Amino acid sequence: QVVVDDASTAQKLLEKGRLTQRVTIIPLDKVYAPSLPSSVVNAADRMGGGKAKPALELVGSADHLQAALKYAFGTSLVCQDAATARRLAFSREVSTRCVTLDGDDFNPSG
């Protein structure tokens, strides 16, 4: 994925960038960046016993890159272990992507 400042830069890159492979271009001025509802965060905290945190709380960047981080991590939880991740990802109250510290990925949408 390639992050660019705006759609104009993305268009120029597509036209004149001589891209040799397929890439996803993310223009920061057009990106839709959802976040976890507070009800989901609260349920994950309660059900996970403090072993799960929103991914956005664990990564940092310069302010101008926040939209890209929200796009990539905005609806994910990071869990300490696979049991917690599985329980939260497939629960009715949380039902969101959960990734463990070891990289195991539990995604209720497949």
N, C-alpha and C. Protein backbone atom coordinates (compact mmCIF):
# COMPACT_ATOMS: atom_id res chain seq x y z
N GLN A 1 0.84 -1.17 0.00
CA GLN A 1 0.00 0.00 0.00
C GLN A 1 0.88 1.24 0.00
N VAL A 2 0.42 2.24 -0.72
CA VAL A 2 1.15 3.49 -0.82
C VAL A 2 0.24 4.60 -0.30
N VAL A 3 0.72 5.34 0.69
CA VAL A 3 -0.04 6.45 1.27
C VAL A 3 0.43 7.74 0.63
N VAL A 4 -0.52 8.53 0.11
CA VAL A 4 -0.19 9.82 -0.50
C VAL A 4 -1.04 10.90 0.15
N ASP A 5 -0.63 12.16 -0.03
CA ASP A 5 -1.31 13.26 0.65
C ASP A 5 -2.72 13.53 0.14
N ASP A 6 -2.95 13.40 -1.16
CA ASP A 6 -4.29 13.69 -1.67
C ASP A 6 -4.55 12.93 -2.97
N ALA A 7 -5.80 13.04 -3.46
CA ALA A 7 -6.21 12.31 -4.65
C ALA A 7 -5.46 12.78 -5.89
N SER A 8 -5.08 14.04 -5.93
CA SER A 8 -4.32 14.57 -7.06
C SER A 8 -2.96 13.87 -7.18
N THR A 9 -2.29 13.70 -6.07
CA THR A 9 -1.01 13.00 -6.07
C THR A 9 -1.20 11.54 -6.49
N ALA A 10 -2.27 10.92 -6.03
CA ALA A 10 -2.56 9.53 -6.40
C ALA A 10 -2.76 9.42 -7.91
N GLN A 11 -3.50 10.36 -8.49
CA GLN A 11 -3.74 10.34 -9.93
C GLN A 11 -2.44 10.50 -10.71
N LYS A 12 -1.60 11.43 -10.26
CA LYS A 12 -0.31 11.63 -10.93
C LYS A 12 0.56 10.38 -10.84
N LEU A 13 0.53 9.73 -9.70
CA LEU A 13 1.31 8.51 -9.52
C LEU A 13 0.83 7.42 -10.46
N LEU A 14 -0.48 7.31 -10.61
CA LEU A 14 -1.03 6.30 -11.52
C LEU A 14 -0.68 6.60 -12.97
N GLU A 15 -0.70 7.87 -13.34
CA GLU A 15 -0.45 8.25 -14.73
C GLU A 15 1.03 8.23 -15.08
N LYS A 16 1.88 8.69 -14.16
CA LYS A 16 3.28 8.89 -14.50
C LYS A 16 4.25 8.16 -13.58
N GLY A 17 3.73 7.34 -12.71
CA GLY A 17 4.58 6.72 -11.71
C GLY A 17 5.34 5.50 -12.16
N ARG A 18 5.03 5.00 -13.36
CA ARG A 18 5.70 3.81 -13.89
C ARG A 18 5.67 2.65 -12.89
N LEU A 19 4.51 2.42 -12.35
CA LEU A 19 4.35 1.33 -11.38
C LEU A 19 4.55 0.00 -12.08
N THR A 20 5.36 -0.86 -11.50
CA THR A 20 5.66 -2.15 -12.12
C THR A 20 4.83 -3.28 -11.53
N GLN A 21 4.15 -3.00 -10.43
CA GLN A 21 3.29 -4.02 -9.83
C GLN A 21 2.03 -3.36 -9.30
N ARG A 22 1.06 -4.17 -9.03
CA ARG A 22 -0.21 -3.67 -8.53
C ARG A 22 -0.05 -3.18 -7.09
N VAL A 23 -0.54 -1.98 -6.81
CA VAL A 23 -0.47 -1.41 -5.47
C VAL A 23 -1.82 -0.77 -5.13
N THR A 24 -2.07 -0.65 -3.85
CA THR A 24 -3.23 0.09 -3.38
C THR A 24 -2.74 1.46 -2.96
N ILE A 25 -3.33 2.50 -3.53
CA ILE A 25 -2.94 3.87 -3.20
C ILE A 25 -4.00 4.45 -2.27
N ILE A 26 -3.54 4.99 -1.15
CA ILE A 26 -4.45 5.54 -0.14
C ILE A 26 -4.24 7.05 -0.06
N PRO A 27 -5.14 7.83 -0.69
CA PRO A 27 -5.04 9.29 -0.56
C PRO A 27 -5.65 9.74 0.77
N LEU A 28 -4.86 10.41 1.58
CA LEU A 28 -5.30 10.77 2.94
C LEU A 28 -6.52 11.70 2.96
N ASP A 29 -6.73 12.46 1.89
CA ASP A 29 -7.88 13.36 1.89
C ASP A 29 -9.18 12.66 1.53
N LYS A 30 -9.11 11.41 1.09
CA LYS A 30 -10.31 10.67 0.69
C LYS A 30 -10.58 9.41 1.52
N VAL A 31 -9.67 9.07 2.40
CA VAL A 31 -9.77 7.81 3.12
C VAL A 31 -10.92 7.83 4.13
N TYR A 32 -11.67 6.72 4.17
CA TYR A 32 -12.71 6.54 5.17
C TYR A 32 -12.08 5.75 6.31
N ALA A 33 -12.09 6.34 7.49
CA ALA A 33 -11.40 5.73 8.62
C ALA A 33 -12.37 5.46 9.76
N PRO A 34 -12.99 4.28 9.76
CA PRO A 34 -13.92 3.95 10.85
C PRO A 34 -13.17 3.67 12.15
N SER A 35 -13.87 3.74 13.25
CA SER A 35 -13.27 3.41 14.53
C SER A 35 -14.23 2.52 15.31
N LEU A 36 -13.72 1.90 16.35
CA LEU A 36 -14.54 1.01 17.17
C LEU A 36 -15.51 1.83 18.02
N PRO A 37 -16.77 1.43 18.05
CA PRO A 37 -17.71 2.10 18.95
C PRO A 37 -17.31 1.87 20.41
N SER A 38 -17.60 2.82 21.26
CA SER A 38 -17.23 2.69 22.67
C SER A 38 -17.89 1.46 23.31
N SER A 39 -19.06 1.08 22.84
CA SER A 39 -19.72 -0.11 23.40
C SER A 39 -18.90 -1.37 23.12
N VAL A 40 -18.27 -1.44 21.96
CA VAL A 40 -17.42 -2.59 21.61
C VAL A 40 -16.15 -2.58 22.46
N VAL A 41 -15.54 -1.42 22.62
CA VAL A 41 -14.32 -1.31 23.43
C VAL A 41 -14.62 -1.69 24.88
N ASN A 42 -15.74 -1.22 25.40
CA ASN A 42 -16.13 -1.55 26.77
C ASN A 42 -16.40 -3.04 26.94
N ALA A 43 -17.09 -3.63 25.96
CA ALA A 43 -17.38 -5.07 26.02
C ALA A 43 -16.09 -5.88 25.94
N ALA A 44 -15.17 -5.47 25.08
CA ALA A 44 -13.89 -6.18 24.95
C ALA A 44 -13.09 -6.09 26.25
N ASP A 45 -13.12 -4.94 26.88
CA ASP A 45 -12.40 -4.77 28.14
C ASP A 45 -13.01 -5.66 29.22
N ARG A 46 -14.33 -5.67 29.28
CA ARG A 46 -15.02 -6.47 30.29
C ARG A 46 -14.84 -7.97 30.04
N MET A 47 -15.07 -8.40 28.81
CA MET A 47 -15.00 -9.83 28.49
C MET A 47 -13.56 -10.35 28.41
N GLY A 48 -12.64 -9.46 28.07
CA GLY A 48 -11.26 -9.88 27.89
C GLY A 48 -10.41 -9.74 29.13
N GLY A 49 -10.99 -9.21 30.20
CA GLY A 49 -10.25 -9.09 31.45
C GLY A 49 -9.01 -8.21 31.32
N GLY A 50 -9.09 -7.18 30.50
CA GLY A 50 -7.96 -6.28 30.32
C GLY A 50 -6.89 -6.80 29.38
N LYS A 51 -7.15 -7.91 28.69
CA LYS A 51 -6.16 -8.51 27.79
C LYS A 51 -6.34 -8.07 26.34
N ALA A 52 -7.18 -7.06 26.10
CA ALA A 52 -7.41 -6.59 24.74
C ALA A 52 -7.45 -5.06 24.73
N LYS A 53 -6.82 -4.49 23.71
CA LYS A 53 -6.78 -3.04 23.55
C LYS A 53 -7.04 -2.71 22.08
N PRO A 54 -7.68 -1.57 21.82
CA PRO A 54 -7.80 -1.12 20.43
C PRO A 54 -6.40 -0.94 19.83
N ALA A 55 -6.21 -1.41 18.63
CA ALA A 55 -4.89 -1.33 17.99
C ALA A 55 -4.38 0.11 17.90
N LEU A 56 -5.29 1.05 17.71
CA LEU A 56 -4.88 2.46 17.60
C LEU A 56 -4.22 2.98 18.87
N GLU A 57 -4.54 2.38 20.00
CA GLU A 57 -3.91 2.81 21.25
C GLU A 57 -2.46 2.33 21.36
N LEU A 58 -2.08 1.38 20.51
CA LEU A 58 -0.77 0.77 20.61
C LEU A 58 0.21 1.24 19.55
N VAL A 59 -0.26 2.01 18.60
CA VAL A 59 0.62 2.53 17.55
C VAL A 59 0.58 4.05 17.57
N GLY A 60 1.63 4.65 17.11
CA GLY A 60 1.69 6.10 17.07
C GLY A 60 2.34 6.56 15.78
N SER A 61 2.07 7.81 15.44
CA SER A 61 2.66 8.38 14.24
C SER A 61 2.52 9.89 14.28
N ALA A 62 3.05 10.51 13.28
CA ALA A 62 2.87 11.95 13.13
C ALA A 62 1.40 12.25 12.87
N ASP A 63 0.95 13.41 13.28
CA ASP A 63 -0.46 13.77 13.15
C ASP A 63 -1.00 13.65 11.72
N HIS A 64 -0.20 14.01 10.74
CA HIS A 64 -0.69 13.99 9.36
C HIS A 64 -0.90 12.57 8.83
N LEU A 65 -0.46 11.56 9.55
CA LEU A 65 -0.65 10.16 9.14
C LEU A 65 -1.76 9.46 9.91
N GLN A 66 -2.44 10.15 10.80
CA GLN A 66 -3.48 9.53 11.63
C GLN A 66 -4.58 8.90 10.79
N ALA A 67 -4.98 9.52 9.69
CA ALA A 67 -6.04 8.94 8.85
C ALA A 67 -5.62 7.59 8.30
N ALA A 68 -4.35 7.45 7.92
CA ALA A 68 -3.87 6.17 7.40
C ALA A 68 -3.88 5.10 8.48
N LEU A 69 -3.48 5.47 9.70
CA LEU A 69 -3.51 4.50 10.80
C LEU A 69 -4.93 4.10 11.14
N LYS A 70 -5.84 5.06 11.16
CA LYS A 70 -7.24 4.73 11.42
C LYS A 70 -7.79 3.81 10.34
N TYR A 71 -7.41 4.04 9.10
CA TYR A 71 -7.84 3.19 8.00
C TYR A 71 -7.35 1.75 8.20
N ALA A 72 -6.09 1.61 8.59
CA ALA A 72 -5.49 0.29 8.72
C ALA A 72 -5.87 -0.43 10.01
N PHE A 73 -5.97 0.30 11.12
CA PHE A 73 -6.13 -0.33 12.42
C PHE A 73 -7.39 0.06 13.19
N GLY A 74 -8.20 0.94 12.63
CA GLY A 74 -9.30 1.56 13.36
C GLY A 74 -10.34 0.62 13.94
N THR A 75 -10.54 -0.53 13.34
CA THR A 75 -11.58 -1.44 13.85
C THR A 75 -11.00 -2.75 14.35
N SER A 76 -9.72 -2.76 14.71
CA SER A 76 -9.08 -3.98 15.19
C SER A 76 -8.70 -3.88 16.66
N LEU A 77 -8.71 -5.04 17.31
CA LEU A 77 -8.23 -5.15 18.68
C LEU A 77 -6.96 -5.98 18.69
N VAL A 78 -6.06 -5.67 19.60
CA VAL A 78 -4.87 -6.49 19.81
C VAL A 78 -5.05 -7.19 21.16
N CYS A 79 -4.90 -8.50 21.13
CA CYS A 79 -5.13 -9.32 22.33
C CYS A 79 -3.84 -10.01 22.76
N GLN A 80 -3.72 -10.26 24.05
CA GLN A 80 -2.51 -10.88 24.59
C GLN A 80 -2.37 -12.35 24.20
N ASP A 81 -3.50 -13.03 23.97
CA ASP A 81 -3.41 -14.45 23.66
C ASP A 81 -4.54 -14.87 22.72
N ALA A 82 -4.38 -16.06 22.15
CA ALA A 82 -5.33 -16.56 21.16
C ALA A 82 -6.70 -16.85 21.76
N ALA A 83 -6.73 -17.33 22.99
CA ALA A 83 -8.02 -17.64 23.62
C ALA A 83 -8.87 -16.37 23.76
N THR A 84 -8.24 -15.30 24.19
CA THR A 84 -8.96 -14.03 24.34
C THR A 84 -9.40 -13.51 22.98
N ALA A 85 -8.50 -13.56 22.01
CA ALA A 85 -8.83 -13.07 20.67
C ALA A 85 -10.00 -13.84 20.06
N ARG A 86 -9.99 -15.15 20.18
CA ARG A 86 -11.06 -15.98 19.64
C ARG A 86 -12.39 -15.66 20.33
N ARG A 87 -12.36 -15.58 21.66
CA ARG A 87 -13.58 -15.32 22.43
C ARG A 87 -14.19 -13.98 22.02
N LEU A 88 -13.36 -12.94 21.90
CA LEU A 88 -13.88 -11.61 21.57
C LEU A 88 -14.32 -11.50 20.12
N ALA A 89 -13.51 -12.00 19.21
CA ALA A 89 -13.82 -11.87 17.78
C ALA A 89 -15.16 -12.49 17.43
N PHE A 90 -15.48 -13.62 18.05
CA PHE A 90 -16.69 -14.33 17.68
C PHE A 90 -17.83 -14.16 18.68
N SER A 91 -17.68 -13.20 19.59
CA SER A 91 -18.77 -12.91 20.52
C SER A 91 -19.74 -11.93 19.88
N ARG A 92 -20.97 -11.97 20.30
CA ARG A 92 -21.99 -11.09 19.75
C ARG A 92 -21.72 -9.63 20.11
N GLU A 93 -21.21 -9.38 21.30
CA GLU A 93 -21.01 -8.00 21.77
C GLU A 93 -19.81 -7.32 21.10
N VAL A 94 -18.77 -8.07 20.77
CA VAL A 94 -17.56 -7.48 20.18
C VAL A 94 -17.54 -7.68 18.67
N SER A 95 -17.52 -8.90 18.23
CA SER A 95 -17.60 -9.26 16.82
C SER A 95 -16.77 -8.35 15.91
N THR A 96 -15.48 -8.27 16.19
CA THR A 96 -14.57 -7.48 15.37
C THR A 96 -13.24 -8.21 15.25
N ARG A 97 -12.44 -7.80 14.29
CA ARG A 97 -11.15 -8.44 14.06
C ARG A 97 -10.26 -8.31 15.29
N CYS A 98 -9.68 -9.43 15.71
CA CYS A 98 -8.77 -9.46 16.86
C CYS A 98 -7.48 -10.13 16.42
N VAL A 99 -6.35 -9.50 16.73
CA VAL A 99 -5.04 -10.02 16.37
C VAL A 99 -4.24 -10.18 17.65
N THR A 100 -3.54 -11.31 17.77
CA THR A 100 -2.73 -11.55 18.97
C THR A 100 -1.36 -10.90 18.82
N LEU A 101 -0.64 -10.82 19.91
CA LEU A 101 0.72 -10.30 19.88
C LEU A 101 1.64 -11.17 19.04
N ASP A 102 1.27 -12.45 18.86
CA ASP A 102 2.05 -13.37 18.02
C ASP A 102 1.65 -13.30 16.55
N GLY A 103 0.61 -12.51 16.24
CA GLY A 103 0.19 -12.35 14.85
C GLY A 103 -0.97 -13.22 14.41
N ASP A 104 -1.55 -14.02 15.32
CA ASP A 104 -2.72 -14.82 14.95
C ASP A 104 -3.89 -13.88 14.72
N ASP A 105 -4.63 -14.12 13.65
CA ASP A 105 -5.69 -13.22 13.22
C ASP A 105 -7.04 -13.93 13.30
N PHE A 106 -7.95 -13.36 14.10
CA PHE A 106 -9.29 -13.91 14.26
C PHE A 106 -10.27 -12.87 13.71
N ASN A 107 -10.90 -13.21 12.60
CA ASN A 107 -11.77 -12.25 11.92
C ASN A 107 -13.16 -12.85 11.73
N PRO A 108 -14.16 -12.27 12.38
CA PRO A 108 -15.50 -12.83 12.28
C PRO A 108 -16.10 -12.75 10.87
N SER A 109 -15.54 -11.92 10.01
CA SER A 109 -16.09 -11.82 8.66
C SER A 109 -15.33 -12.71 7.66
N GLY A 110 -14.49 -13.58 8.20
CA GLY A 110 -13.86 -14.58 7.35
C GLY A 110 -12.45 -14.36 6.98
